Amino acid sequence: MDRAKEAIRDNLKGKKKLYMSIWKVIDERRSEQLHRSLHAVVYYLNLAIRYLPTFNKDKEVEYSMLDCIEILE
């Protein structure tokens, strides 16, 4: 999602007034729909993302992954 947001920013030539409203919509939907434990697990275990130099081992993602594992046990 971050790459998509960066692409939007770049396509709009970095004009904050234009892309911030779009980013706001993306962030709201992301928080409501994609900010779930299962999505965190998919993000964390996706090897295509995991081995990128930009991969961020976020504590919130790790905790969400552990929550999902507990639910499955």
C-alpha atoms as a PDB file:
ATOM      1  CA  MET A   1       0.000   0.000   0.000  1.00  0.00           C
ATOM      2  CA  ASP A   2       2.884   2.323   0.722  1.00  0.00           C
ATOM      3  CA  ARG A   3       4.243   1.798  -2.776  1.00  0.00           C
ATOM      4  CA  ALA A   4       0.838   2.691  -4.208  1.00  0.00           C
ATOM      5  CA  LYS A   5       0.720   5.862  -2.130  1.00  0.00           C
ATOM      6  CA  GLU A   6       4.224   6.809  -3.255  1.00  0.00           C
ATOM      7  CA  ALA A   7       3.233   6.234  -6.890  1.00  0.00           C
ATOM      8  CA  ILE A   8       0.200   8.491  -6.446  1.00  0.00           C
ATOM      9  CA  ARG A   9       2.409  11.178  -4.911  1.00  0.00           C
ATOM     10  CA  ASP A  10       4.926  10.885  -7.742  1.00  0.00           C
ATOM     11  CA  ASN A  11       2.233  10.987 -10.442  1.00  0.00           C
ATOM     12  CA  LEU A  12       0.830  14.159  -8.909  1.00  0.00           C
ATOM     13  CA  LYS A  13       4.311  15.716  -8.977  1.00  0.00           C
ATOM     14  CA  GLY A  14       4.537  15.861  -5.184  1.00  0.00           C
ATOM     15  CA  LYS A  15       1.759  18.449  -4.872  1.00  0.00           C
ATOM     16  CA  LYS A  16       0.601  17.816  -1.339  1.00  0.00           C
ATOM     17  CA  LYS A  17      -2.801  19.474  -1.810  1.00  0.00           C
ATOM     18  CA  LEU A  18      -3.654  16.971  -4.535  1.00  0.00           C
ATOM     19  CA  TYR A  19      -2.464  13.706  -3.062  1.00  0.00           C
ATOM     20  CA  MET A  20      -3.216  14.149   0.652  1.00  0.00           C
ATOM     21  CA  SER A  21      -6.983  13.783   0.172  1.00  0.00           C
ATOM     22  CA  ILE A  22      -6.395  10.546  -1.737  1.00  0.00           C
ATOM     23  CA  TRP A  23      -4.014   9.301   0.945  1.00  0.00           C
ATOM     24  CA  LYS A  24      -6.623  10.077   3.595  1.00  0.00           C
ATOM     25  CA  VAL A  25      -9.187   7.857   1.855  1.00  0.00           C
ATOM     26  CA  ILE A  26      -6.615   5.079   1.481  1.00  0.00           C
ATOM     27  CA  ASP A  27      -5.619   5.300   5.143  1.00  0.00           C
ATOM     28  CA  GLU A  28      -9.236   5.232   6.330  1.00  0.00           C
ATOM     29  CA  ARG A  29     -10.065   2.169   4.270  1.00  0.00           C
ATOM     30  CA  ARG A  30      -6.831   0.501   5.219  1.00  0.00           C
ATOM     31  CA  SER A  31      -7.545   1.025   8.898  1.00  0.00           C
ATOM     32  CA  GLU A  32     -11.089  -0.280   8.626  1.00  0.00           C
ATOM     33  CA  GLN A  33     -10.584  -3.231   6.305  1.00  0.00           C
ATOM     34  CA  LEU A  34      -6.972  -4.262   6.058  1.00  0.00           C
ATOM     35  CA  HIS A  35      -5.717  -3.580   9.536  1.00  0.00           C
ATOM     36  CA  ARG A  36      -6.510  -7.049  10.780  1.00  0.00           C
ATOM     37  CA  SER A  37      -4.346  -9.761  12.298  1.00  0.00           C
ATOM     38  CA  LEU A  38      -4.638 -12.046   9.284  1.00  0.00           C
ATOM     39  CA  HIS A  39      -3.441  -9.332   6.921  1.00  0.00           C
ATOM     40  CA  ALA A  40      -0.491  -8.679   9.206  1.00  0.00           C
ATOM     41  CA  VAL A  41       0.445 -12.360   8.997  1.00  0.00           C
ATOM     42  CA  VAL A  42       0.249 -12.318   5.210  1.00  0.00           C
ATOM     43  CA  TYR A  43       2.414  -9.197   5.091  1.00  0.00           C
ATOM     44  CA  TYR A  44       4.950 -10.618   7.532  1.00  0.00           C
ATOM     45  CA  LEU A  45       5.231 -14.020   5.864  1.00  0.00           C
ATOM     46  CA  ASN A  46       5.147 -12.826   2.246  1.00  0.00           C
ATOM     47  CA  LEU A  47       8.659 -13.612   1.055  1.00  0.00           C
ATOM     48  CA  ALA A  48       8.408 -11.171  -1.853  1.00  0.00           C
ATOM     49  CA  ILE A  49       7.987  -8.378   0.685  1.00  0.00           C
ATOM     50  CA  ARG A  50       9.981  -9.854   3.563  1.00  0.00           C
ATOM     51  CA  TYR A  51      13.321  -9.848   1.753  1.00  0.00           C
ATOM     52  CA  LEU A  52      13.038  -6.356   0.320  1.00  0.00           C
ATOM     53  CA  PRO A  53      15.597  -3.959   1.777  1.00  0.00           C
ATOM     54  CA  THR A  54      12.697  -1.675   2.714  1.00  0.00           C
ATOM     55  CA  PHE A  55      10.918  -4.339   4.823  1.00  0.00           C
ATOM     56  CA  ASN A  56      10.097  -2.960   8.250  1.00  0.00           C
ATOM     57  CA  LYS A  57       9.762  -5.357  11.185  1.00  0.00           C
ATOM     58  CA  ASP A  58       7.044  -3.364  12.880  1.00  0.00           C
ATOM     59  CA  LYS A  59       6.152  -4.428  16.429  1.00  0.00           C
ATOM     60  CA  GLU A  60       2.440  -3.943  15.746  1.00  0.00           C
ATOM     61  CA  VAL A  61       2.649  -6.376  12.822  1.00  0.00           C
ATOM     62  CA  GLU A  62       4.510  -8.913  14.945  1.00  0.00           C
ATOM     63  CA  TYR A  63       1.938  -8.642  17.748  1.00  0.00           C
ATOM     64  CA  SER A  64      -0.912  -9.022  15.260  1.00  0.00           C
ATOM     65  CA  MET A  65       0.759 -12.119  13.869  1.00  0.00           C
ATOM     66  CA  LEU A  66       1.038 -13.610  17.354  1.00  0.00           C
ATOM     67  CA  ASP A  67      -2.630 -12.785  18.020  1.00  0.00           C
ATOM     68  CA  CYS A  68      -3.620 -14.639  14.867  1.00  0.00           C
ATOM     69  CA  ILE A  69      -1.527 -17.663  15.837  1.00  0.00           C
ATOM     70  CA  GLU A  70      -3.180 -17.730  19.267  1.00  0.00           C
ATOM     71  CA  ILE A  71      -6.617 -17.708  17.642  1.00  0.00           C
ATOM     72  CA  LEU A  72      -5.645 -20.680  15.469  1.00  0.00           C
ATOM     73  CA  GLU A  73      -4.371 -22.742  18.404  1.00  0.00           C
END
